[in-house]
Amino acid sequence: MSTPGAPGLPPARVDTTYPAAELDRRFYAFVIDRLVAWGIFAGAAYLAWRFFLDDDRVLAGVGVIVGTVVLVSVLFAVLLGVAGVSPGKALVGLRVVRFDDGRPIGFSKALVRTAVLGMFTLPTVGLGLATLAWTAVMDPGGRRRGGHDRMSDAVVVDVRPAPVTEAEDPRPRAIVNLTAMRLMPTPPAATDPAVPARVDRPVSPPPPSGPAPAVPAPHPTPAQASAQVPAPRPAVPPAAPAPAVPAPPAAVPPRAAAPAPTPAATPQVPTPSALDGPTTRRPDPVPSGATTRWRVTFDTGETFVVEGLALVGRRPEPRANEPVKHLVPLRSSDMSLSKTHAQFQVVPDGALVVMDRGSTNGSVVIRQGVSKSLTAGRPSTLIDGDTVRFGDRTMTVAKDA
């Protein structure tokens, strides 16, 4: 017999007389377990990509994903070894117990069972699961024990309560014909001469429980009636409607007098003091070298004239309150390009300046065949014909005529 366990948990021991679980119910439990586990894995992978992999911290991101997989597997093994359940098995009413005595299989065997199911799921593309299901169908003992069940000395049983059926009365039921009973005449009641017939006495009506009825008032005499009737009022003729008063005409605005012709005069140019009000801002003086235009061309085919601050990377993002004019997202086949790799812009004296923004693989300037690595956070001036390498991408610099 089964012994009760803690509230909300299944009993610690299951009677071995429980029927073996059907394969379809085991499949439903397996699908629920995998959906729960894969949902947790997907959430961990997204967080690892968002906070680690996207910032080029590959080892930390991989560690988060692997740690989540190991932690979820251990939790599933603990539930299976101590209580014999998993999320899916608890929902469909199944239990994993020892084959010989119905006790929990323990953490070590549950861990082996979980590892076998994990190895036979994704790497084999379903072939491993089909093999385990075939071994369960071909179990000679009829308990549907698959290969993973035998490795952990377990059996999956159905612990749902059996449906309660009411026992039927073996005696035949009497059939009553209601129509015949209504058509049969009622037999007269037999009278006993020794018993006198009952005589019903008249029953007096009960006294009224409510208030006494009101006594009707006496009818008035003709003189009193004539005195009580009020005299008719004289008819008042209806008042005649007042004649409509026409609205006063709207006031016509006086016509503006035409301006008197003035002799032709030369147009007056406002003085600088009249133009420069308190809200008028004069344009800043443009330096003499700012007229130099620079054109950059990437190996992807993208080219443009530099008109302000430009950011280069896989998915460049400006800092807070950073006036960026150009965002240049580039694809990187070997992930050597950082998210925000470098920046370049035209300074007020007309020179084109490039600066590495602390990328993982750095930036290199190639000038007349000589390469020079850039120091992160330190700007470097470019000249016509220079080539800058950002990871596996290159950018050529030229003056725009």
Protein backbone atom coordinates (compact mmCIF):
# COMPACT_ATOMS: atom_id res chain seq x y z
CA MET A 1 0.00 0.00 0.00
CA SER A 2 1.13 3.59 -0.53
CA THR A 3 2.20 5.77 2.36
CA PRO A 4 1.19 9.43 2.38
CA GLY A 5 3.89 12.03 1.84
CA ALA A 6 4.10 15.74 2.44
CA PRO A 7 1.10 17.93 1.57
CA GLY A 8 1.08 18.82 -2.10
CA LEU A 9 3.60 16.08 -2.99
CA PRO A 10 2.96 12.48 -4.05
CA PRO A 11 3.51 9.68 -1.52
CA ALA A 12 7.07 8.45 -1.05
CA ARG A 13 6.18 4.90 -2.02
CA VAL A 14 3.83 3.61 -4.71
CA ASP A 15 2.15 0.24 -4.73
CA THR A 16 3.64 -1.94 -7.47
CA THR A 17 0.14 -3.06 -8.43
CA TYR A 18 -0.48 0.25 -10.19
CA PRO A 19 -0.83 -0.28 -13.96
CA ALA A 20 2.07 0.58 -16.23
CA ALA A 21 1.71 3.96 -17.94
CA GLU A 22 0.52 4.02 -21.53
CA LEU A 23 3.02 5.17 -24.12
CA ASP A 24 0.87 8.07 -25.29
CA ARG A 25 0.65 9.52 -21.76
CA ARG A 26 4.41 9.13 -21.35
CA PHE A 27 4.88 10.99 -24.63
CA TYR A 28 2.64 13.85 -23.44
CA ALA A 29 4.63 14.12 -20.20
CA PHE A 30 7.90 14.11 -22.15
CA VAL A 31 6.70 16.93 -24.44
CA ILE A 32 5.64 19.07 -21.46
CA ASP A 33 8.99 18.54 -19.75
CA ARG A 34 10.91 19.50 -22.88
CA LEU A 35 8.83 22.63 -23.44
CA VAL A 36 9.49 23.77 -19.87
CA ALA A 37 13.24 23.05 -20.10
CA TRP A 38 13.69 24.54 -23.57
CA GLY A 39 11.78 27.64 -22.56
CA ILE A 40 14.21 28.19 -19.67
CA PHE A 41 17.17 27.52 -22.00
CA ALA A 42 15.87 30.02 -24.56
CA GLY A 43 15.49 32.70 -21.89
CA ALA A 44 19.02 32.09 -20.64
CA ALA A 45 20.41 32.22 -24.19
CA TYR A 46 18.70 35.55 -24.85
CA LEU A 47 20.04 37.06 -21.63
CA ALA A 48 23.53 35.77 -22.40
CA TRP A 49 23.44 37.28 -25.89
CA ARG A 50 21.99 40.57 -24.64
CA PHE A 51 24.43 41.18 -21.82
CA PHE A 52 27.54 39.18 -22.73
CA LEU A 53 27.83 37.93 -26.31
CA ASP A 54 26.74 41.21 -27.85
CA ASP A 55 29.48 42.99 -25.89
CA ASP A 56 32.16 40.50 -27.07
CA ARG A 57 32.26 38.61 -23.76
CA VAL A 58 31.94 35.21 -25.34
CA LEU A 59 33.19 33.08 -22.46
CA ALA A 60 30.80 34.68 -19.98
CA GLY A 61 27.85 34.20 -22.34
CA VAL A 62 28.67 30.55 -23.00
CA GLY A 63 29.13 30.00 -19.27
CA VAL A 64 25.67 31.37 -18.54
CA ILE A 65 24.05 29.06 -21.12
CA VAL A 66 25.93 25.94 -19.99
CA GLY A 67 25.30 26.72 -16.33
CA THR A 68 21.56 27.07 -16.96
CA VAL A 69 21.42 23.72 -18.77
CA VAL A 70 23.27 21.96 -15.94
CA LEU A 71 21.14 23.61 -13.22
CA VAL A 72 17.84 22.71 -14.89
CA SER A 73 18.99 19.11 -15.45
CA VAL A 74 20.00 18.76 -11.80
CA LEU A 75 16.64 20.18 -10.62
CA PHE A 76 14.75 17.74 -12.83
CA ALA A 77 16.89 14.88 -11.49
CA VAL A 78 16.21 15.90 -7.87
CA LEU A 79 12.44 15.97 -8.45
CA LEU A 80 12.55 12.63 -10.27
CA GLY A 81 14.77 10.92 -7.70
CA VAL A 82 13.05 12.18 -4.53
CA ALA A 83 9.38 12.40 -5.54
CA GLY A 84 9.33 10.44 -8.80
CA VAL A 85 7.72 13.28 -10.73
CA SER A 86 8.54 16.00 -13.21
CA PRO A 87 6.36 18.90 -14.43
CA GLY A 88 4.95 16.80 -17.26
CA LYS A 89 4.43 13.62 -15.22
CA ALA A 90 2.75 15.56 -12.42
CA LEU A 91 0.25 17.03 -14.91
CA VAL A 92 -0.70 13.73 -16.58
CA GLY A 93 -0.68 11.61 -13.39
CA LEU A 94 2.44 9.44 -13.87
CA ARG A 95 5.17 8.40 -11.44
CA VAL A 96 8.69 6.95 -11.83
CA VAL A 97 9.48 4.39 -9.09
CA ARG A 98 11.71 1.40 -8.49
CA PHE A 99 10.71 -1.71 -10.31
CA ASP A 100 10.99 -4.04 -7.33
CA ASP A 101 9.52 -2.18 -4.32
CA GLY A 102 7.87 1.02 -5.67
CA ARG A 103 10.16 3.42 -3.80
CA PRO A 104 11.79 6.54 -5.34
CA ILE A 105 14.74 5.70 -7.57
CA GLY A 106 17.16 8.17 -5.92
CA PHE A 107 19.17 11.10 -7.23
CA SER A 108 22.00 9.15 -8.89
CA LYS A 109 19.73 6.94 -10.98
CA ALA A 110 17.49 9.88 -11.80
CA LEU A 111 20.53 11.81 -13.03
CA VAL A 112 21.51 8.88 -15.27
CA ARG A 113 17.97 8.69 -16.64
CA THR A 114 17.90 12.44 -17.31
CA ALA A 115 21.29 12.36 -19.05
CA VAL A 116 20.23 9.45 -21.30
CA LEU A 117 17.03 11.23 -22.34
CA GLY A 118 19.01 14.41 -23.05
CA MET A 119 21.54 12.60 -25.24
CA PHE A 120 18.80 10.75 -27.13
CA THR A 121 16.75 13.92 -27.84
CA LEU A 122 18.56 16.68 -29.75
CA PRO A 123 21.78 15.08 -31.08
CA THR A 124 19.96 12.14 -32.70
CA VAL A 125 17.17 14.23 -34.31
CA GLY A 126 14.44 12.00 -32.85
CA LEU A 127 16.00 8.63 -33.78
CA GLY A 128 17.11 8.00 -30.20
CA LEU A 129 13.61 8.66 -28.84
CA ALA A 130 12.13 6.28 -31.39
CA THR A 131 14.62 3.62 -30.27
CA LEU A 132 13.70 4.07 -26.60
CA ALA A 133 9.99 3.89 -27.45
CA TRP A 134 10.57 0.67 -29.44
CA THR A 135 12.38 -0.94 -26.48
CA ALA A 136 9.41 -0.01 -24.26
CA VAL A 137 6.94 -1.60 -26.68
CA MET A 138 9.02 -4.80 -26.92
CA ASP A 139 9.38 -5.21 -23.13
CA PRO A 140 8.91 -8.97 -22.49
CA GLY A 141 7.57 -8.30 -18.98
CA GLY A 142 4.66 -6.23 -20.28
CA ARG A 143 5.51 -3.26 -18.03
CA ARG A 144 6.61 -1.04 -20.97
CA ARG A 145 10.10 -0.48 -19.60
CA GLY A 146 12.42 1.17 -22.13
CA GLY A 147 16.18 1.17 -22.22
CA HIS A 148 16.46 4.25 -19.98
CA ASP A 149 14.04 2.63 -17.50
CA ARG A 150 16.22 -0.48 -17.23
CA MET A 151 19.39 1.60 -16.82
CA SER A 152 17.83 3.31 -13.79
CA ASP A 153 15.95 0.18 -12.54
CA ALA A 154 12.68 2.12 -12.81
CA VAL A 155 9.16 1.72 -14.09
CA VAL A 156 6.62 4.39 -15.01
CA VAL A 157 3.18 3.77 -13.49
CA ASP A 158 -0.19 5.46 -13.78
CA VAL A 159 -1.23 6.68 -10.30
CA ARG A 160 -4.51 8.27 -11.29
CA PRO A 161 -7.42 7.10 -9.13
CA ALA A 162 -9.58 4.49 -10.78
CA PRO A 163 -13.09 5.68 -11.72
CA VAL A 164 -15.77 4.74 -9.19
CA THR A 165 -18.70 2.77 -10.67
CA GLU A 166 -21.95 2.18 -8.80
CA ALA A 167 -22.95 -1.46 -8.28
CA GLU A 168 -26.21 -2.32 -10.00
CA ASP A 169 -29.03 -4.13 -8.17
CA PRO A 170 -29.28 -7.66 -9.65
CA ARG A 171 -33.04 -7.86 -8.93
CA PRO A 172 -35.37 -7.01 -11.81
CA ARG A 173 -37.02 -3.63 -11.64
CA ALA A 174 -40.80 -3.38 -11.46
CA ILE A 175 -42.48 -1.64 -14.37
CA VAL A 176 -45.32 0.70 -13.41
CA ASN A 177 -47.92 1.57 -16.05
CA LEU A 178 -49.00 5.10 -15.12
CA THR A 179 -51.56 5.31 -17.93
CA ALA A 180 -53.39 2.21 -16.71
CA MET A 181 -53.42 3.55 -13.17
CA ARG A 182 -55.06 6.79 -14.30
CA LEU A 183 -57.75 4.91 -16.27
CA MET A 184 -58.68 2.48 -13.47
CA PRO A 185 -61.74 3.61 -11.38
CA THR A 186 -61.15 4.38 -7.74
CA PRO A 187 -62.81 1.68 -5.56
CA PRO A 188 -65.40 2.99 -3.01
CA ALA A 189 -64.22 3.15 0.56
CA ALA A 190 -65.68 0.42 2.76
CA THR A 191 -67.92 1.70 5.57
CA ASP A 192 -68.05 0.11 8.98
CA PRO A 193 -71.62 0.04 10.43
CA ALA A 194 -70.23 0.24 13.91
CA VAL A 195 -68.52 3.55 13.27
CA PRO A 196 -70.93 6.46 12.93
CA ALA A 197 -70.58 8.61 9.87
CA ARG A 198 -68.74 11.83 10.34
CA VAL A 199 -70.85 14.95 10.03
CA ASP A 200 -69.03 18.10 9.08
CA ARG A 201 -70.06 21.08 11.12
CA PRO A 202 -70.38 24.48 9.49
CA VAL A 203 -67.33 26.51 10.16
CA SER A 204 -67.91 30.11 11.09
CA PRO A 205 -65.71 32.60 9.28
CA PRO A 206 -62.81 33.83 11.37
CA PRO A 207 -62.99 37.34 12.77
CA PRO A 208 -61.23 39.88 10.62
CA SER A 209 -57.72 40.50 11.84
CA GLY A 210 -57.27 43.80 9.99
CA PRO A 211 -58.64 47.25 10.93
CA ALA A 212 -62.37 47.87 11.07
CA PRO A 213 -63.96 48.90 7.76
CA ALA A 214 -64.57 52.59 7.36
CA VAL A 215 -68.14 53.81 7.78
CA PRO A 216 -69.36 55.51 4.61
CA ALA A 217 -70.06 59.20 4.99
CA PRO A 218 -73.72 60.36 4.60
CA HIS A 219 -74.74 61.75 1.28
CA PRO A 220 -75.00 65.54 1.30
CA THR A 221 -78.27 67.31 0.68
CA PRO A 222 -78.90 69.25 -2.54
CA ALA A 223 -78.33 72.52 -0.70
CA GLN A 224 -75.05 71.33 0.72
CA ALA A 225 -73.97 69.99 -2.66
CA SER A 226 -74.72 73.30 -4.35
CA ALA A 227 -72.77 75.12 -1.66
CA GLN A 228 -69.76 72.88 -2.09
CA VAL A 229 -69.53 73.24 -5.90
CA PRO A 230 -67.25 76.23 -6.75
CA ALA A 231 -68.50 78.88 -9.13
CA PRO A 232 -67.06 78.69 -12.64
CA ARG A 233 -64.29 81.19 -13.45
CA PRO A 234 -64.79 83.61 -16.32
CA ALA A 235 -62.92 82.63 -19.46
CA VAL A 236 -59.84 84.76 -20.08
CA PRO A 237 -59.13 85.42 -23.76
CA PRO A 238 -55.66 84.42 -24.87
CA ALA A 239 -53.15 87.20 -25.12
CA ALA A 240 -52.38 88.41 -28.60
CA PRO A 241 -48.82 87.67 -29.75
CA ALA A 242 -46.48 90.64 -29.63
CA PRO A 243 -45.51 92.02 -33.04
CA ALA A 244 -42.05 91.02 -34.21
CA VAL A 245 -39.57 93.84 -33.89
CA PRO A 246 -37.13 93.94 -36.81
CA ALA A 247 -33.45 93.63 -35.82
CA PRO A 248 -31.38 96.75 -36.27
CA PRO A 249 -29.15 96.69 -39.35
CA ALA A 250 -25.56 95.68 -38.79
CA ALA A 251 -23.17 98.52 -38.57
CA VAL A 252 -21.15 98.98 -41.72
CA PRO A 253 -17.49 99.63 -40.95
CA PRO A 254 -16.26 102.89 -42.38
CA ARG A 255 -14.16 102.55 -45.51
CA ALA A 256 -10.52 103.11 -44.87
CA ALA A 257 -9.16 106.11 -46.57
CA ALA A 258 -6.69 105.42 -49.34
CA PRO A 259 -3.17 106.36 -48.37
CA ALA A 260 -1.94 109.52 -49.90
CA PRO A 261 0.71 109.01 -52.55
CA THR A 262 4.18 109.65 -51.36
CA PRO A 263 7.08 110.66 -53.47
CA ALA A 264 9.42 107.90 -54.53
CA ALA A 265 12.20 107.42 -52.11
CA THR A 266 15.24 105.24 -52.03
CA PRO A 267 14.81 102.02 -49.97
CA GLN A 268 16.30 102.30 -46.56
CA VAL A 269 18.66 99.52 -45.48
CA PRO A 270 18.31 98.74 -41.77
CA THR A 271 21.38 99.36 -39.77
CA PRO A 272 23.16 96.50 -38.01
CA SER A 273 21.79 97.69 -34.71
CA ALA A 274 18.24 97.22 -36.00
CA LEU A 275 18.97 93.68 -37.28
CA ASP A 276 20.69 92.46 -34.18
CA GLY A 277 17.88 92.10 -31.68
CA PRO A 278 18.14 90.30 -28.34
CA THR A 279 16.91 86.99 -29.94
CA THR A 280 18.92 87.19 -33.19
CA ARG A 281 22.06 85.00 -33.27
CA ARG A 282 24.81 85.65 -35.71
CA PRO A 283 26.24 82.61 -37.50
CA ASP A 284 29.54 81.34 -36.19
CA PRO A 285 32.54 82.17 -38.31
CA VAL A 286 33.57 79.28 -40.53
CA PRO A 287 37.25 78.42 -40.30
CA SER A 288 39.25 78.69 -43.45
CA GLY A 289 40.13 74.98 -43.52
CA ALA A 290 36.55 73.72 -42.95
CA THR A 291 35.83 73.87 -46.65
CA THR A 292 37.80 70.64 -47.15
CA ARG A 293 35.49 67.75 -47.96
CA TRP A 294 36.42 64.17 -47.19
CA ARG A 295 34.87 61.05 -48.75
CA VAL A 296 35.16 57.60 -47.20
CA THR A 297 34.54 54.35 -49.09
CA PHE A 298 34.09 50.95 -47.38
CA ASP A 299 34.85 47.54 -48.87
CA THR A 300 31.12 46.83 -48.75
CA GLY A 301 30.58 49.50 -51.44
CA GLU A 302 29.09 52.12 -49.13
CA THR A 303 30.52 55.64 -49.63
CA PHE A 304 29.58 59.12 -48.38
CA VAL A 305 30.99 62.57 -47.64
CA VAL A 306 31.76 63.06 -43.95
CA GLU A 307 29.53 65.79 -42.56
CA GLY A 308 29.84 65.13 -38.83
CA LEU A 309 30.61 62.45 -36.25
CA ALA A 310 30.44 58.92 -37.70
CA LEU A 311 30.32 55.63 -35.74
CA VAL A 312 31.43 52.28 -37.21
CA GLY A 313 30.63 48.79 -35.85
CA ARG A 314 28.34 45.77 -36.05
CA ARG A 315 25.52 47.77 -34.52
CA PRO A 316 26.90 51.16 -33.46
CA GLU A 317 25.06 53.10 -30.78
CA PRO A 318 25.87 56.69 -29.68
CA ARG A 319 26.47 57.64 -26.10
CA ALA A 320 24.09 59.89 -24.20
CA ASN A 321 23.82 63.37 -25.79
CA GLU A 322 26.38 62.46 -28.48
CA PRO A 323 25.66 64.34 -31.76
CA VAL A 324 26.14 61.59 -34.32
CA LYS A 325 25.62 62.32 -38.00
CA HIS A 326 26.49 58.93 -39.56
CA LEU A 327 25.84 55.41 -38.21
CA VAL A 328 27.69 52.81 -40.30
CA PRO A 329 26.60 49.23 -39.40
CA LEU A 330 28.86 46.63 -41.06
CA ARG A 331 28.64 42.85 -41.22
CA SER A 332 31.53 40.83 -39.79
CA SER A 333 31.96 37.23 -40.92
CA ASP A 334 34.42 36.31 -38.14
CA MET A 335 32.94 38.56 -35.41
CA SER A 336 36.17 40.60 -35.31
CA LEU A 337 34.19 43.84 -35.53
CA SER A 338 32.91 45.16 -32.21
CA LYS A 339 29.46 46.54 -31.60
CA THR A 340 30.69 50.17 -31.62
CA HIS A 341 34.21 49.76 -33.03
CA ALA A 342 35.53 53.27 -33.90
CA GLN A 343 34.60 56.81 -34.83
CA PHE A 344 35.82 59.47 -37.27
CA GLN A 345 34.92 63.09 -38.01
CA VAL A 346 36.17 66.33 -39.59
CA VAL A 347 37.66 68.69 -37.00
CA PRO A 348 37.36 72.51 -37.29
CA ASP A 349 40.72 72.88 -39.04
CA GLY A 350 39.48 70.64 -41.88
CA ALA A 351 41.42 67.45 -41.01
CA LEU A 352 39.80 63.99 -40.86
CA VAL A 353 40.45 62.32 -37.49
CA VAL A 354 39.79 58.65 -36.58
CA MET A 355 39.72 57.11 -33.07
CA ASP A 356 39.28 53.54 -31.81
CA ARG A 357 36.57 53.24 -29.13
CA GLY A 358 38.11 50.38 -27.16
CA SER A 359 37.25 47.59 -29.59
CA THR A 360 38.28 43.98 -28.94
CA ASN A 361 40.50 43.55 -32.02
CA GLY A 362 41.60 47.20 -32.44
CA SER A 363 41.94 49.42 -35.53
CA VAL A 364 44.88 49.80 -37.96
CA VAL A 365 45.84 52.70 -40.30
CA ILE A 366 47.66 51.64 -43.50
CA ARG A 367 49.64 54.53 -45.11
CA GLN A 368 51.79 53.81 -48.19
CA GLY A 369 52.01 50.13 -47.27
CA VAL A 370 52.99 50.73 -43.62
CA SER A 371 50.53 49.63 -40.92
CA LYS A 372 50.12 51.40 -37.61
CA SER A 373 47.79 50.27 -34.81
CA LEU A 374 45.63 52.91 -33.17
CA THR A 375 45.57 53.43 -29.42
CA ALA A 376 42.07 53.22 -27.96
CA GLY A 377 40.74 56.65 -27.03
CA ARG A 378 43.52 58.57 -28.83
CA PRO A 379 42.61 60.32 -32.12
CA SER A 380 44.81 60.02 -35.22
CA THR A 381 44.81 62.32 -38.26
CA LEU A 382 44.26 60.77 -41.71
CA ILE A 383 45.55 61.98 -45.06
CA ASP A 384 44.41 61.48 -48.62
CA GLY A 385 44.89 57.83 -49.69
CA ASP A 386 44.97 56.26 -46.20
CA THR A 387 43.20 52.96 -45.52
CA VAL A 388 41.76 52.11 -42.10
CA ARG A 389 41.05 48.49 -41.10
CA PHE A 390 38.27 47.86 -38.54
CA GLY A 391 38.39 44.13 -37.77
CA ASP A 392 37.75 42.37 -41.10
CA ARG A 393 36.43 45.57 -42.78
CA THR A 394 38.41 48.36 -44.47
CA MET A 395 37.73 52.03 -45.22
CA THR A 396 39.56 54.18 -47.80
CA VAL A 397 39.93 57.96 -47.29
CA ALA A 398 40.07 60.52 -50.13
CA LYS A 399 39.53 64.25 -50.51
CA ASP A 400 36.31 65.08 -52.32
CA ALA A 401 36.82 67.66 -55.07
